[in-house]
Amino acid sequence: MSNTHLPESSYTISIAGIDEQIEKIQKSEWNKFKVKCKGLDRENIFKLLDTGKGISLDSNTSFSDEDCEFLQGNEFSKNFLYVEQPRPVGEYFILNKSKNVNWMADEDCQDITYLEKLHPHYSSINIKLMKCGGLTPALELISEAKKFGYKVMIGCMTESSVGISAGIAISGLCDFADLDGASLISNDFAKGSFVEGGKLILSEEPGLGISLL
């Protein structure tokens, strides 16, 4: 598969004040960013969009029901690529996927049995190989999610190029990518497929193209 047919990866911006997060985004060569939040700064959150970059929010379950209603009721929310896991696991009933926000399930979606009950609430799901059990379960989950009309992201933990290479191998089946894990560590012990400025670069070696350093 050509690199040009792969989604572009986001880069993680850690929890900080909005101004500090904007400064990091503006200094980066990447084009897409997942901005970590601890609660929702309603007065300033839309300033992130002024960077002109592709912005997603990852609340790590820190948004209240009122925060979610605020985002759903604001048309500017359509400009975020997605908003990931806004509420604690199982507390997603306030979410309405038809109201301005591309809500993305992370911890709320563990396997294919969750897809039907999440359907009224989430438009997208985040699949992480380290959480779902590897490539085969991930492929099954992608296939079933597409039947329901979900958008799919291939995500990652903070991990080495072994996991990132596996994620890139199936990224062509996905709509979003968040595969910056190996870019965030200094002790990577392998090489293979990789991410450069957000662009996913497939190894030309056999299989997953992984070799140990």
N, C-alpha and C. Protein backbone atom coordinates (compact mmCIF):
# COMPACT_ATOMS: atom_id res chain seq x y z
N MET A 1 0.84 -1.20 0.00
CA MET A 1 0.00 0.00 0.00
C MET A 1 0.87 1.24 0.00
N SER A 2 0.52 2.22 -0.80
CA SER A 2 1.27 3.46 -0.88
C SER A 2 1.13 4.27 0.39
N ASN A 3 2.21 4.96 0.76
CA ASN A 3 2.16 5.83 1.93
C ASN A 3 1.12 6.93 1.77
N THR A 4 0.84 7.31 0.52
CA THR A 4 -0.09 8.42 0.27
C THR A 4 -1.52 8.07 0.62
N HIS A 5 -1.82 6.78 0.78
CA HIS A 5 -3.18 6.35 1.10
C HIS A 5 -3.38 6.12 2.60
N LEU A 6 -2.39 6.46 3.39
CA LEU A 6 -2.49 6.26 4.83
C LEU A 6 -2.92 7.55 5.52
N PRO A 7 -3.69 7.43 6.60
CA PRO A 7 -4.08 8.65 7.34
C PRO A 7 -2.86 9.29 7.99
N GLU A 8 -2.96 10.55 8.28
CA GLU A 8 -1.87 11.27 8.93
C GLU A 8 -2.02 11.15 10.44
N SER A 9 -0.92 10.92 11.13
CA SER A 9 -0.98 10.76 12.58
C SER A 9 -1.06 12.09 13.29
N SER A 10 -1.72 12.08 14.43
CA SER A 10 -1.72 13.22 15.33
C SER A 10 -0.51 13.14 16.26
N TYR A 11 -0.20 14.26 16.89
CA TYR A 11 0.86 14.34 17.89
C TYR A 11 0.23 14.80 19.19
N THR A 12 0.61 14.19 20.29
CA THR A 12 -0.01 14.45 21.59
C THR A 12 0.55 15.72 22.23
N ILE A 13 -0.37 16.58 22.65
CA ILE A 13 -0.02 17.77 23.43
C ILE A 13 -0.51 17.53 24.85
N SER A 14 0.41 17.53 25.80
CA SER A 14 0.08 17.17 27.17
C SER A 14 -0.74 18.25 27.87
N ILE A 15 -1.29 17.88 29.02
CA ILE A 15 -2.12 18.80 29.80
C ILE A 15 -1.32 20.02 30.21
N ALA A 16 -1.88 21.19 29.95
CA ALA A 16 -1.25 22.47 30.30
C ALA A 16 -2.30 23.55 30.06
N GLY A 17 -1.94 24.80 30.32
CA GLY A 17 -2.82 25.90 29.99
C GLY A 17 -2.97 26.02 28.48
N ILE A 18 -4.08 26.56 28.03
CA ILE A 18 -4.35 26.66 26.61
C ILE A 18 -3.25 27.42 25.87
N ASP A 19 -2.77 28.51 26.43
CA ASP A 19 -1.74 29.31 25.76
C ASP A 19 -0.45 28.50 25.57
N GLU A 20 -0.09 27.73 26.59
CA GLU A 20 1.10 26.88 26.47
C GLU A 20 0.91 25.80 25.42
N GLN A 21 -0.28 25.21 25.38
CA GLN A 21 -0.57 24.18 24.38
C GLN A 21 -0.52 24.78 22.97
N ILE A 22 -1.07 25.97 22.80
CA ILE A 22 -1.04 26.63 21.49
C ILE A 22 0.39 26.89 21.05
N GLU A 23 1.23 27.31 21.98
CA GLU A 23 2.63 27.59 21.66
C GLU A 23 3.34 26.33 21.16
N LYS A 24 3.08 25.18 21.80
CA LYS A 24 3.69 23.92 21.38
C LYS A 24 3.20 23.52 19.99
N ILE A 25 1.92 23.72 19.73
CA ILE A 25 1.36 23.39 18.42
C ILE A 25 2.00 24.25 17.34
N GLN A 26 2.10 25.53 17.59
CA GLN A 26 2.64 26.45 16.60
C GLN A 26 4.11 26.19 16.28
N LYS A 27 4.84 25.64 17.24
CA LYS A 27 6.27 25.37 17.03
C LYS A 27 6.52 24.02 16.36
N SER A 28 5.50 23.20 16.24
CA SER A 28 5.67 21.84 15.72
C SER A 28 5.51 21.79 14.20
N GLU A 29 6.21 20.83 13.59
CA GLU A 29 6.08 20.61 12.15
C GLU A 29 4.91 19.70 11.80
N TRP A 30 4.28 19.11 12.80
CA TRP A 30 3.15 18.22 12.56
C TRP A 30 1.92 19.05 12.20
N ASN A 31 0.93 18.40 11.60
CA ASN A 31 -0.29 19.09 11.17
C ASN A 31 -1.52 18.76 12.01
N LYS A 32 -1.48 17.62 12.69
CA LYS A 32 -2.63 17.18 13.48
C LYS A 32 -2.20 16.94 14.93
N PHE A 33 -3.07 17.33 15.85
CA PHE A 33 -2.71 17.27 17.26
C PHE A 33 -3.87 16.75 18.10
N LYS A 34 -3.52 15.88 19.05
CA LYS A 34 -4.47 15.44 20.07
C LYS A 34 -4.11 16.18 21.35
N VAL A 35 -5.01 17.06 21.78
CA VAL A 35 -4.75 17.92 22.93
C VAL A 35 -5.38 17.30 24.18
N LYS A 36 -4.55 16.98 25.16
CA LYS A 36 -5.03 16.39 26.40
C LYS A 36 -5.67 17.47 27.28
N CYS A 37 -6.77 17.11 27.92
CA CYS A 37 -7.51 18.05 28.76
C CYS A 37 -7.72 17.45 30.15
N LYS A 38 -7.73 18.32 31.13
CA LYS A 38 -8.17 17.95 32.47
C LYS A 38 -9.33 18.87 32.81
N GLY A 39 -10.52 18.42 32.49
CA GLY A 39 -11.68 19.30 32.52
C GLY A 39 -11.72 20.14 31.25
N LEU A 40 -12.83 20.84 31.05
CA LEU A 40 -13.01 21.63 29.84
C LEU A 40 -12.93 23.12 30.17
N ASP A 41 -11.98 23.80 29.56
CA ASP A 41 -11.83 25.24 29.70
C ASP A 41 -12.78 25.88 28.68
N ARG A 42 -14.03 26.07 29.07
CA ARG A 42 -15.05 26.50 28.12
C ARG A 42 -14.76 27.86 27.51
N GLU A 43 -14.12 28.74 28.26
CA GLU A 43 -13.86 30.10 27.77
C GLU A 43 -12.77 30.12 26.70
N ASN A 44 -11.88 29.15 26.73
CA ASN A 44 -10.70 29.22 25.86
C ASN A 44 -10.51 28.05 24.91
N ILE A 45 -11.31 27.01 25.05
CA ILE A 45 -11.04 25.77 24.30
C ILE A 45 -11.03 25.98 22.79
N PHE A 46 -11.88 26.88 22.28
CA PHE A 46 -11.96 27.06 20.83
C PHE A 46 -10.78 27.86 20.28
N LYS A 47 -9.95 28.46 21.15
CA LYS A 47 -8.75 29.14 20.70
C LYS A 47 -7.78 28.17 20.02
N LEU A 48 -7.85 26.90 20.40
CA LEU A 48 -6.99 25.90 19.78
C LEU A 48 -7.21 25.82 18.27
N LEU A 49 -8.43 26.08 17.85
CA LEU A 49 -8.76 25.99 16.43
C LEU A 49 -8.14 27.13 15.64
N ASP A 50 -7.81 28.22 16.30
CA ASP A 50 -7.21 29.37 15.61
C ASP A 50 -5.80 29.08 15.10
N THR A 51 -5.20 27.98 15.54
CA THR A 51 -3.87 27.60 15.06
C THR A 51 -3.90 27.18 13.59
N GLY A 52 -5.09 26.85 13.09
CA GLY A 52 -5.20 26.38 11.71
C GLY A 52 -4.79 24.93 11.52
N LYS A 53 -4.47 24.26 12.61
CA LYS A 53 -4.08 22.84 12.57
C LYS A 53 -5.30 21.95 12.80
N GLY A 54 -5.14 20.66 12.52
CA GLY A 54 -6.19 19.70 12.84
C GLY A 54 -6.14 19.38 14.31
N ILE A 55 -7.18 19.75 15.03
CA ILE A 55 -7.20 19.62 16.49
C ILE A 55 -8.25 18.62 16.96
N SER A 56 -7.83 17.71 17.82
CA SER A 56 -8.72 16.80 18.52
C SER A 56 -8.54 16.99 20.02
N LEU A 57 -9.56 16.65 20.77
CA LEU A 57 -9.48 16.75 22.23
C LEU A 57 -9.54 15.36 22.84
N ASP A 58 -8.70 15.12 23.82
CA ASP A 58 -8.75 13.88 24.59
C ASP A 58 -8.95 14.24 26.05
N SER A 59 -10.16 14.00 26.55
CA SER A 59 -10.49 14.44 27.91
C SER A 59 -10.01 13.48 28.98
N ASN A 60 -9.65 12.23 28.57
CA ASN A 60 -9.31 11.22 29.57
C ASN A 60 -10.37 11.14 30.66
N THR A 61 -11.62 11.14 30.27
CA THR A 61 -12.82 11.00 31.11
C THR A 61 -13.05 12.19 32.03
N SER A 62 -12.47 13.35 31.75
CA SER A 62 -12.52 14.46 32.70
C SER A 62 -13.64 15.47 32.44
N PHE A 63 -14.44 15.29 31.38
CA PHE A 63 -15.51 16.24 31.10
C PHE A 63 -16.77 15.87 31.89
N SER A 64 -17.45 16.88 32.38
CA SER A 64 -18.72 16.67 33.08
C SER A 64 -19.85 16.57 32.05
N ASP A 65 -21.02 16.16 32.52
CA ASP A 65 -22.20 16.16 31.63
C ASP A 65 -22.43 17.56 31.07
N GLU A 66 -22.24 18.57 31.90
CA GLU A 66 -22.45 19.96 31.47
C GLU A 66 -21.43 20.36 30.41
N ASP A 67 -20.19 19.90 30.54
CA ASP A 67 -19.17 20.16 29.52
C ASP A 67 -19.58 19.55 28.19
N CYS A 68 -20.09 18.32 28.25
CA CYS A 68 -20.50 17.64 27.02
C CYS A 68 -21.68 18.35 26.36
N GLU A 69 -22.62 18.81 27.17
CA GLU A 69 -23.75 19.56 26.63
C GLU A 69 -23.28 20.87 26.01
N PHE A 70 -22.31 21.52 26.63
CA PHE A 70 -21.74 22.76 26.08
C PHE A 70 -21.15 22.51 24.69
N LEU A 71 -20.38 21.46 24.54
CA LEU A 71 -19.78 21.16 23.25
C LEU A 71 -20.83 20.76 22.22
N GLN A 72 -21.78 19.95 22.63
CA GLN A 72 -22.83 19.51 21.71
C GLN A 72 -23.69 20.67 21.22
N GLY A 73 -23.83 21.68 22.06
CA GLY A 73 -24.68 22.81 21.71
C GLY A 73 -23.97 23.91 20.94
N ASN A 74 -22.69 23.73 20.66
CA ASN A 74 -21.91 24.77 20.00
C ASN A 74 -21.44 24.30 18.62
N GLU A 75 -21.81 25.04 17.58
CA GLU A 75 -21.46 24.62 16.22
C GLU A 75 -19.95 24.64 15.97
N PHE A 76 -19.20 25.43 16.75
CA PHE A 76 -17.75 25.44 16.59
C PHE A 76 -17.14 24.07 16.88
N SER A 77 -17.86 23.25 17.65
CA SER A 77 -17.35 21.93 18.00
C SER A 77 -17.18 21.04 16.77
N LYS A 78 -17.89 21.35 15.70
CA LYS A 78 -17.74 20.57 14.47
C LYS A 78 -16.34 20.67 13.90
N ASN A 79 -15.60 21.70 14.30
CA ASN A 79 -14.27 21.92 13.75
C ASN A 79 -13.18 21.09 14.42
N PHE A 80 -13.50 20.47 15.55
CA PHE A 80 -12.58 19.50 16.14
C PHE A 80 -12.68 18.20 15.34
N LEU A 81 -11.56 17.56 15.08
CA LEU A 81 -11.59 16.30 14.34
C LEU A 81 -12.40 15.25 15.09
N TYR A 82 -12.20 15.19 16.41
CA TYR A 82 -12.97 14.30 17.27
C TYR A 82 -12.73 14.72 18.71
N VAL A 83 -13.60 14.26 19.59
CA VAL A 83 -13.43 14.46 21.04
C VAL A 83 -13.49 13.08 21.67
N GLU A 84 -12.39 12.68 22.29
CA GLU A 84 -12.21 11.29 22.73
C GLU A 84 -12.56 11.09 24.20
N GLN A 85 -13.28 10.01 24.45
CA GLN A 85 -13.62 9.51 25.78
C GLN A 85 -13.90 10.63 26.78
N PRO A 86 -14.99 11.39 26.59
CA PRO A 86 -15.24 12.54 27.45
C PRO A 86 -15.67 12.19 28.87
N ARG A 87 -16.33 11.05 29.05
CA ARG A 87 -16.89 10.69 30.35
C ARG A 87 -16.26 9.39 30.85
N PRO A 88 -16.37 9.12 32.15
CA PRO A 88 -15.90 7.84 32.67
C PRO A 88 -16.59 6.66 31.97
N VAL A 89 -15.96 5.53 32.01
CA VAL A 89 -16.46 4.34 31.32
C VAL A 89 -17.90 4.04 31.73
N GLY A 90 -18.75 3.88 30.75
CA GLY A 90 -20.15 3.54 30.97
C GLY A 90 -21.07 4.72 31.21
N GLU A 91 -20.51 5.92 31.32
CA GLU A 91 -21.33 7.10 31.59
C GLU A 91 -21.46 7.98 30.35
N TYR A 92 -21.80 7.34 29.24
CA TYR A 92 -21.82 8.01 27.94
C TYR A 92 -23.22 8.42 27.47
N PHE A 93 -24.23 8.26 28.29
CA PHE A 93 -25.60 8.44 27.81
C PHE A 93 -25.95 9.89 27.49
N ILE A 94 -25.18 10.84 28.02
CA ILE A 94 -25.39 12.25 27.70
C ILE A 94 -24.94 12.56 26.27
N LEU A 95 -24.12 11.70 25.70
CA LEU A 95 -23.55 11.96 24.38
C LEU A 95 -24.55 11.64 23.29
N ASN A 96 -24.69 12.58 22.36
CA ASN A 96 -25.59 12.41 21.21
C ASN A 96 -24.78 12.68 19.96
N LYS A 97 -24.53 11.65 19.18
CA LYS A 97 -23.62 11.80 18.04
C LYS A 97 -24.17 12.69 16.94
N SER A 98 -25.45 13.04 17.01
CA SER A 98 -26.05 13.90 15.98
C SER A 98 -25.91 15.38 16.31
N LYS A 99 -25.24 15.73 17.42
CA LYS A 99 -25.17 17.11 17.87
C LYS A 99 -23.74 17.65 17.83
N ASN A 100 -23.28 18.07 16.68
CA ASN A 100 -22.07 18.89 16.49
C ASN A 100 -20.73 18.24 16.81
N VAL A 101 -20.69 17.17 17.59
CA VAL A 101 -19.40 16.61 18.04
C VAL A 101 -19.20 15.20 17.48
N ASN A 102 -18.00 14.96 16.97
CA ASN A 102 -17.60 13.60 16.63
C ASN A 102 -17.03 12.96 17.89
N TRP A 103 -17.92 12.39 18.71
CA TRP A 103 -17.49 11.71 19.92
C TRP A 103 -16.78 10.41 19.56
N MET A 104 -15.63 10.18 20.18
CA MET A 104 -14.85 8.96 19.91
C MET A 104 -14.71 8.13 21.19
N ALA A 105 -15.09 6.88 21.12
CA ALA A 105 -14.96 5.97 22.26
C ALA A 105 -13.57 5.37 22.30
N ASP A 106 -12.97 5.38 23.48
CA ASP A 106 -11.70 4.69 23.70
C ASP A 106 -11.98 3.56 24.69
N GLU A 107 -11.87 3.83 25.98
CA GLU A 107 -12.11 2.79 26.98
C GLU A 107 -13.54 2.26 26.94
N ASP A 108 -14.48 3.05 26.44
CA ASP A 108 -15.88 2.59 26.37
C ASP A 108 -16.08 1.46 25.37
N CYS A 109 -15.16 1.28 24.43
CA CYS A 109 -15.31 0.23 23.41
C CYS A 109 -14.18 -0.77 23.55
N GLN A 110 -14.48 -1.93 24.11
CA GLN A 110 -13.45 -2.95 24.35
C GLN A 110 -13.40 -4.02 23.27
N ASP A 111 -14.54 -4.32 22.66
CA ASP A 111 -14.57 -5.33 21.60
C ASP A 111 -15.86 -5.16 20.80
N ILE A 112 -16.12 -6.05 19.86
CA ILE A 112 -17.25 -5.89 18.94
C ILE A 112 -18.60 -5.92 19.64
N THR A 113 -18.68 -6.49 20.84
CA THR A 113 -19.97 -6.58 21.53
C THR A 113 -20.45 -5.21 22.02
N TYR A 114 -19.57 -4.21 22.05
CA TYR A 114 -19.94 -2.88 22.53
C TYR A 114 -20.51 -2.00 21.43
N LEU A 115 -20.30 -2.35 20.18
CA LEU A 115 -20.58 -1.44 19.08
C LEU A 115 -22.05 -1.05 18.97
N GLU A 116 -22.95 -2.01 19.13
CA GLU A 116 -24.37 -1.71 18.94
C GLU A 116 -24.91 -0.75 20.00
N LYS A 117 -24.56 -0.98 21.26
CA LYS A 117 -25.11 -0.13 22.32
C LYS A 117 -24.48 1.27 22.33
N LEU A 118 -23.27 1.41 21.78
CA LEU A 118 -22.62 2.72 21.72
C LEU A 118 -23.08 3.54 20.51
N HIS A 119 -23.74 2.91 19.58
CA HIS A 119 -24.05 3.52 18.29
C HIS A 119 -24.82 4.84 18.37
N PRO A 120 -25.80 5.00 19.26
CA PRO A 120 -26.50 6.29 19.33
C PRO A 120 -25.65 7.42 19.89
N HIS A 121 -24.53 7.09 20.50
CA HIS A 121 -23.76 8.06 21.26
C HIS A 121 -22.43 8.44 20.61
N TYR A 122 -21.75 7.48 20.04
CA TYR A 122 -20.43 7.71 19.47
C TYR A 122 -20.46 7.57 17.95
N SER A 123 -19.68 8.41 17.28
CA SER A 123 -19.51 8.30 15.82
C SER A 123 -18.23 7.57 15.46
N SER A 124 -17.27 7.51 16.39
CA SER A 124 -15.95 6.95 16.10
C SER A 124 -15.47 6.11 17.26
N ILE A 125 -14.52 5.21 16.96
CA ILE A 125 -13.90 4.41 18.00
C ILE A 125 -12.38 4.43 17.82
N ASN A 126 -11.67 4.32 18.94
CA ASN A 126 -10.22 4.25 18.94
C ASN A 126 -9.81 2.81 19.23
N ILE A 127 -9.06 2.22 18.32
CA ILE A 127 -8.58 0.85 18.48
C ILE A 127 -7.10 0.87 18.77
N LYS A 128 -6.71 0.28 19.89
CA LYS A 128 -5.30 0.17 20.26
C LYS A 128 -4.92 -1.30 20.30
N LEU A 129 -3.90 -1.68 19.58
CA LEU A 129 -3.52 -3.08 19.50
C LEU A 129 -3.17 -3.65 20.86
N MET A 130 -2.56 -2.84 21.71
CA MET A 130 -2.15 -3.30 23.03
C MET A 130 -3.33 -3.55 23.95
N LYS A 131 -4.47 -2.97 23.63
CA LYS A 131 -5.65 -3.15 24.47
C LYS A 131 -6.60 -4.21 23.93
N CYS A 132 -6.71 -4.31 22.60
CA CYS A 132 -7.71 -5.22 22.05
C CYS A 132 -7.18 -6.63 21.84
N GLY A 133 -5.84 -6.83 21.94
CA GLY A 133 -5.31 -8.18 21.85
C GLY A 133 -4.49 -8.46 20.61
N GLY A 134 -4.20 -7.45 19.80
CA GLY A 134 -3.34 -7.66 18.65
C GLY A 134 -4.03 -7.41 17.32
N LEU A 135 -3.34 -7.81 16.25
CA LEU A 135 -3.80 -7.49 14.90
C LEU A 135 -5.11 -8.19 14.52
N THR A 136 -5.24 -9.46 14.85
CA THR A 136 -6.44 -10.19 14.43
C THR A 136 -7.71 -9.64 15.09
N PRO A 137 -7.74 -9.44 16.41
CA PRO A 137 -8.93 -8.81 17.00
C PRO A 137 -9.17 -7.40 16.47
N ALA A 138 -8.10 -6.66 16.19
CA ALA A 138 -8.25 -5.31 15.66
C ALA A 138 -8.92 -5.33 14.29
N LEU A 139 -8.50 -6.25 13.44
CA LEU A 139 -9.10 -6.36 12.10
C LEU A 139 -10.58 -6.73 12.19
N GLU A 140 -10.91 -7.61 13.12
CA GLU A 140 -12.31 -7.99 13.32
C GLU A 140 -13.12 -6.80 13.79
N LEU A 141 -12.54 -6.01 14.70
CA LEU A 141 -13.24 -4.84 15.24
C LEU A 141 -13.42 -3.77 14.18
N ILE A 142 -12.41 -3.54 13.37
CA ILE A 142 -12.52 -2.57 12.27
C ILE A 142 -13.63 -2.97 11.32
N SER A 143 -13.65 -4.23 10.92
CA SER A 143 -14.65 -4.71 9.98
C SER A 143 -16.06 -4.53 10.52
N GLU A 144 -16.27 -4.90 11.77
CA GLU A 144 -17.60 -4.80 12.37
C GLU A 144 -17.99 -3.34 12.58
N ALA A 145 -17.04 -2.51 12.98
CA ALA A 145 -17.33 -1.09 13.20
C ALA A 145 -17.77 -0.42 11.91
N LYS A 146 -17.14 -0.77 10.81
CA LYS A 146 -17.50 -0.18 9.52
C LYS A 146 -18.93 -0.54 9.13
N LYS A 147 -19.38 -1.73 9.51
CA LYS A 147 -20.76 -2.13 9.23
C LYS A 147 -21.77 -1.22 9.93
N PHE A 148 -21.38 -0.72 11.10
CA PHE A 148 -22.25 0.18 11.86
C PHE A 148 -22.09 1.64 11.42
N GLY A 149 -21.13 1.91 10.57
CA GLY A 149 -20.92 3.27 10.10
C GLY A 149 -19.98 4.09 10.95
N TYR A 150 -19.26 3.45 11.88
CA TYR A 150 -18.28 4.17 12.70
C TYR A 150 -17.08 4.60 11.87
N LYS A 151 -16.49 5.75 12.22
CA LYS A 151 -15.15 6.08 11.81
C LYS A 151 -14.20 5.38 12.79
N VAL A 152 -13.03 5.00 12.30
CA VAL A 152 -12.10 4.22 13.12
C VAL A 152 -10.74 4.91 13.18
N MET A 153 -10.19 4.96 14.38
CA MET A 153 -8.82 5.44 14.56
C MET A 153 -7.94 4.29 15.04
N ILE A 154 -6.76 4.17 14.46
CA ILE A 154 -5.77 3.26 15.00
C ILE A 154 -4.90 4.07 15.95
N GLY A 155 -4.93 3.71 17.21
CA GLY A 155 -4.23 4.47 18.23
C GLY A 155 -3.08 3.68 18.82
N CYS A 156 -2.48 4.21 19.87
CA CYS A 156 -1.34 3.54 20.49
C CYS A 156 -1.21 3.97 21.94
N MET A 157 -0.37 3.28 22.64
CA MET A 157 0.08 3.67 23.96
C MET A 157 1.43 4.38 23.75
N THR A 158 2.13 4.73 24.83
CA THR A 158 3.52 5.14 24.70
C THR A 158 4.32 3.87 24.54
N GLU A 159 4.79 3.58 23.32
CA GLU A 159 5.36 2.27 23.03
C GLU A 159 6.44 2.37 21.97
N SER A 160 7.12 1.27 21.73
CA SER A 160 8.25 1.24 20.82
C SER A 160 7.78 1.13 19.37
N SER A 161 8.75 1.09 18.47
CA SER A 161 8.46 0.95 17.05
C SER A 161 7.87 -0.41 16.69
N VAL A 162 7.97 -1.37 17.60
CA VAL A 162 7.33 -2.67 17.35
C VAL A 162 5.81 -2.48 17.25
N GLY A 163 5.23 -1.87 18.27
CA GLY A 163 3.79 -1.64 18.26
C GLY A 163 3.37 -0.64 17.19
N ILE A 164 4.17 0.40 16.99
CA ILE A 164 3.82 1.42 16.01
C ILE A 164 3.83 0.82 14.60
N SER A 165 4.82 -0.04 14.31
CA SER A 165 4.88 -0.68 13.00
C SER A 165 3.64 -1.54 12.74
N ALA A 166 3.19 -2.25 13.76
CA ALA A 166 1.99 -3.07 13.63
C ALA A 166 0.77 -2.19 13.37
N GLY A 167 0.68 -1.06 14.08
CA GLY A 167 -0.42 -0.14 13.85
C GLY A 167 -0.42 0.44 12.46
N ILE A 168 0.75 0.83 11.97
CA ILE A 168 0.85 1.39 10.62
C ILE A 168 0.45 0.36 9.57
N ALA A 169 0.72 -0.92 9.84
CA ALA A 169 0.40 -1.98 8.88
C ALA A 169 -1.09 -2.05 8.56
N ILE A 170 -1.95 -1.68 9.51
CA ILE A 170 -3.39 -1.74 9.26
C ILE A 170 -4.01 -0.34 9.19
N SER A 171 -3.19 0.68 9.18
CA SER A 171 -3.71 2.05 9.20
C SER A 171 -4.49 2.42 7.95
N GLY A 172 -4.18 1.75 6.84
CA GLY A 172 -4.90 2.04 5.60
C GLY A 172 -6.37 1.69 5.67
N LEU A 173 -6.79 0.92 6.67
CA LEU A 173 -8.19 0.57 6.86
C LEU A 173 -8.91 1.58 7.75
N CYS A 174 -8.17 2.56 8.25
CA CYS A 174 -8.70 3.47 9.28
C CYS A 174 -8.84 4.89 8.74
N ASP A 175 -9.64 5.68 9.46
CA ASP A 175 -9.92 7.06 9.07
C ASP A 175 -8.99 8.05 9.78
N PHE A 176 -8.53 7.68 10.97
CA PHE A 176 -7.65 8.52 11.76
C PHE A 176 -6.48 7.66 12.27
N ALA A 177 -5.39 8.33 12.58
CA ALA A 177 -4.25 7.64 13.19
C ALA A 177 -3.71 8.48 14.34
N ASP A 178 -3.35 7.81 15.41
CA ASP A 178 -2.68 8.44 16.54
C ASP A 178 -1.54 7.51 16.93
N LEU A 179 -0.44 7.62 16.19
CA LEU A 179 0.65 6.65 16.30
C LEU A 179 1.98 7.35 16.60
N ASP A 180 1.93 8.28 17.54
CA ASP A 180 3.13 9.03 17.90
C ASP A 180 3.89 8.40 19.06
N GLY A 181 3.49 7.20 19.50
CA GLY A 181 4.06 6.60 20.71
C GLY A 181 5.56 6.51 20.72
N ALA A 182 6.15 6.05 19.61
CA ALA A 182 7.60 5.91 19.57
C ALA A 182 8.30 7.26 19.44
N SER A 183 7.56 8.27 18.99
CA SER A 183 8.13 9.62 18.88
C SER A 183 8.25 10.29 20.24
N LEU A 184 7.60 9.71 21.26
CA LEU A 184 7.57 10.31 22.58
C LEU A 184 8.55 9.65 23.55
N ILE A 185 9.34 8.67 23.05
CA ILE A 185 10.28 7.98 23.93
C ILE A 185 11.71 8.15 23.41
N SER A 186 12.69 7.96 24.29
CA SER A 186 14.10 8.10 23.91
C SER A 186 14.84 6.76 23.95
N ASN A 187 14.13 5.69 24.30
CA ASN A 187 14.80 4.38 24.45
C ASN A 187 14.20 3.33 23.52
N ASP A 188 13.82 3.72 22.32
CA ASP A 188 13.28 2.77 21.35
C ASP A 188 14.33 1.70 21.06
N PHE A 189 13.92 0.43 21.01
CA PHE A 189 14.87 -0.66 20.82
C PHE A 189 14.68 -1.37 19.48
N ALA A 190 13.84 -0.80 18.60
CA ALA A 190 13.57 -1.43 17.32
C ALA A 190 13.38 -0.37 16.24
N LYS A 191 13.41 -0.81 15.01
CA LYS A 191 13.08 0.06 13.89
C LYS A 191 12.17 -0.69 12.94
N GLY A 192 11.43 0.06 12.17
CA GLY A 192 10.49 -0.53 11.22
C GLY A 192 9.75 0.57 10.51
N SER A 193 8.44 0.44 10.39
CA SER A 193 7.65 1.55 9.90
C SER A 193 7.71 2.67 10.94
N PHE A 194 7.54 3.91 10.49
CA PHE A 194 7.71 5.01 11.43
C PHE A 194 6.86 6.21 11.02
N VAL A 195 6.85 7.20 11.88
CA VAL A 195 6.09 8.42 11.65
C VAL A 195 7.06 9.59 11.54
N GLU A 196 6.92 10.39 10.50
CA GLU A 196 7.80 11.54 10.28
C GLU A 196 6.94 12.78 10.06
N GLY A 197 6.92 13.65 11.07
CA GLY A 197 6.11 14.85 10.96
C GLY A 197 4.63 14.57 10.77
N GLY A 198 4.19 13.40 11.24
CA GLY A 198 2.80 13.01 11.10
C GLY A 198 2.55 12.04 9.95
N LYS A 199 3.46 12.00 8.99
CA LYS A 199 3.29 11.11 7.84
C LYS A 199 3.71 9.69 8.22
N LEU A 200 2.88 8.72 7.90
CA LEU A 200 3.17 7.32 8.18
C LEU A 200 4.03 6.75 7.06
N ILE A 201 5.18 6.21 7.41
CA ILE A 201 6.13 5.68 6.43
C ILE A 201 6.22 4.17 6.61
N LEU A 202 5.76 3.43 5.61
CA LEU A 202 5.78 1.97 5.66
C LEU A 202 7.17 1.43 5.39
N SER A 203 7.59 0.46 6.22
CA SER A 203 8.84 -0.25 5.96
C SER A 203 8.70 -1.09 4.70
N GLU A 204 9.78 -1.23 3.97
CA GLU A 204 9.79 -2.06 2.78
C GLU A 204 10.29 -3.46 3.08
N GLU A 205 10.58 -3.75 4.34
CA GLU A 205 11.04 -5.08 4.72
C GLU A 205 9.86 -6.05 4.83
N PRO A 206 10.10 -7.36 4.82
CA PRO A 206 9.01 -8.36 4.89
C PRO A 206 8.22 -8.25 6.20
N GLY A 207 7.00 -8.75 6.15
CA GLY A 207 6.15 -8.79 7.35
C GLY A 207 5.86 -7.40 7.85
N LEU A 208 6.01 -7.21 9.17
CA LEU A 208 5.80 -5.90 9.75
C LEU A 208 7.03 -5.01 9.59
N GLY A 209 8.10 -5.54 9.01
CA GLY A 209 9.28 -4.74 8.73
C GLY A 209 10.07 -4.33 9.95
N ILE A 210 9.98 -5.12 11.02
CA ILE A 210 10.62 -4.77 12.28
C ILE A 210 11.97 -5.45 12.43
N SER A 211 12.95 -4.74 12.92
CA SER A 211 14.22 -5.33 13.33
C SER A 211 14.69 -4.65 14.60
N LEU A 212 15.43 -5.41 15.42
CA LEU A 212 15.92 -4.86 16.69
C LEU A 212 17.18 -4.03 16.43
N LEU A 213 17.34 -2.99 17.19
CA LEU A 213 18.53 -2.15 17.08
C LEU A 213 19.72 -2.78 17.77
